[in-house]
Amino acid sequence: MHVLLYAVLFAMPLAGWIMSSAANFSVSVFGLFTRPNLVGPDKALEEAAKAAHFWMACTLGGLFLLHLAGALRHHVLLRDDTLRRMLPFGRLRDSGP
């Protein structure tokens, strides 16, 4: 699950950058600098990158929900400490002398 989440989190912005480059739009990073275009203007590539960007966003949402369901499964059904260990305030109660 984590590998899929990281893969989509890496690929989705890349698809957005390609989409913007193909549409001949510059990508500004917080107004600090502008990224160079990866490709030249290309309407077909822009549409393909737009579709890829959209479906990766949907996939990211689905993976998030599956990850949340897994964490809740551990907490509610399996009754183990997985969720509690992930939360910053969950460790305070468990720390011993």
Protein backbone atom coordinates (compact mmCIF):
# COMPACT_ATOMS: atom_id res chain seq x y z
CA MET A 1 0.00 0.00 0.00
CA HIS A 2 2.76 2.46 0.89
CA VAL A 3 4.66 1.78 -2.33
CA LEU A 4 1.49 2.48 -4.36
CA LEU A 5 0.81 5.67 -2.42
CA TYR A 6 4.35 6.94 -2.97
CA ALA A 7 4.31 5.96 -6.65
CA VAL A 8 1.11 7.92 -7.28
CA LEU A 9 2.34 10.85 -5.18
CA PHE A 10 5.43 10.98 -7.41
CA ALA A 11 3.73 10.34 -10.78
CA MET A 12 0.73 12.64 -10.37
CA PRO A 13 2.68 15.94 -10.17
CA LEU A 14 4.89 14.73 -13.02
CA ALA A 15 1.78 14.19 -15.18
CA GLY A 16 0.58 17.68 -14.20
CA TRP A 17 3.94 19.17 -15.17
CA ILE A 18 3.82 17.38 -18.53
CA MET A 19 0.22 18.55 -19.01
CA SER A 20 1.20 22.16 -18.32
CA SER A 21 4.26 21.93 -20.55
CA ALA A 22 2.23 20.47 -23.42
CA ALA A 23 -0.27 23.33 -23.00
CA ASN A 24 2.67 25.80 -23.12
CA PHE A 25 2.06 27.01 -19.55
CA SER A 26 5.00 27.63 -17.23
CA VAL A 27 4.99 25.92 -13.84
CA SER A 28 5.87 28.36 -11.05
CA VAL A 29 6.98 26.96 -7.70
CA PHE A 30 5.51 29.25 -5.03
CA GLY A 31 6.60 32.25 -7.09
CA LEU A 32 10.24 31.49 -6.29
CA PHE A 33 11.28 30.02 -9.63
CA THR A 34 9.77 28.66 -12.82
CA ARG A 35 10.31 25.06 -13.90
CA PRO A 36 11.39 24.50 -17.50
CA ASN A 37 8.90 22.91 -19.88
CA LEU A 38 9.47 19.18 -20.28
CA VAL A 39 7.90 18.99 -23.74
CA GLY A 40 6.89 21.33 -26.50
CA PRO A 41 3.29 22.37 -27.16
CA ASP A 42 1.26 19.28 -28.10
CA LYS A 43 -2.54 19.14 -27.78
CA ALA A 44 -2.74 15.32 -27.90
CA LEU A 45 -0.07 14.93 -25.20
CA GLU A 46 -1.82 17.59 -23.11
CA GLU A 47 -5.08 15.63 -23.23
CA ALA A 48 -3.36 12.33 -22.41
CA ALA A 49 -1.50 13.89 -19.48
CA LYS A 50 -4.72 15.53 -18.28
CA ALA A 51 -6.49 12.15 -18.28
CA ALA A 52 -3.55 10.50 -16.51
CA HIS A 53 -3.47 13.29 -13.91
CA PHE A 54 -7.22 12.93 -13.29
CA TRP A 55 -7.13 9.14 -12.94
CA MET A 56 -4.12 9.30 -10.64
CA ALA A 57 -6.06 11.74 -8.44
CA CYS A 58 -8.95 9.26 -8.31
CA THR A 59 -6.52 6.43 -7.58
CA LEU A 60 -4.89 8.46 -4.81
CA GLY A 61 -8.28 9.03 -3.21
CA GLY A 62 -9.08 5.32 -3.40
CA LEU A 63 -5.71 4.32 -1.95
CA PHE A 64 -6.22 6.81 0.87
CA LEU A 65 -9.59 5.25 1.70
CA LEU A 66 -8.11 1.74 1.60
CA HIS A 67 -5.28 2.85 3.88
CA LEU A 68 -7.77 4.41 6.28
CA ALA A 69 -9.89 1.24 6.21
CA GLY A 70 -6.79 -0.84 7.02
CA ALA A 71 -5.90 1.37 9.97
CA LEU A 72 -9.46 1.18 11.30
CA ARG A 73 -9.49 -2.60 10.79
CA HIS A 74 -6.40 -2.91 12.95
CA HIS A 75 -7.91 -0.70 15.64
CA VAL A 76 -11.51 -1.94 15.72
CA LEU A 77 -11.46 -5.56 14.54
CA LEU A 78 -7.98 -6.80 15.37
CA ARG A 79 -7.71 -4.61 18.47
CA ASP A 80 -3.96 -4.19 18.16
CA ASP A 81 -1.82 -1.09 18.77
CA THR A 82 -1.04 -0.28 15.13
CA LEU A 83 -3.22 2.84 14.93
CA ARG A 84 -2.23 4.01 18.40
CA ARG A 85 1.48 3.74 17.48
CA MET A 86 0.93 5.89 14.39
CA LEU A 87 -0.64 8.75 16.31
CA PRO A 88 1.76 11.18 18.00
CA PHE A 89 -0.26 11.39 21.21
CA GLY A 90 -0.82 7.61 21.39
CA ARG A 91 2.74 6.95 22.51
CA LEU A 92 2.59 9.24 25.53
CA ARG A 93 0.17 7.03 27.38
CA ASP A 94 2.17 3.86 26.64
CA SER A 95 5.58 5.15 27.76
CA GLY A 96 6.78 3.54 30.94
CA PRO A 97 9.43 4.37 33.53
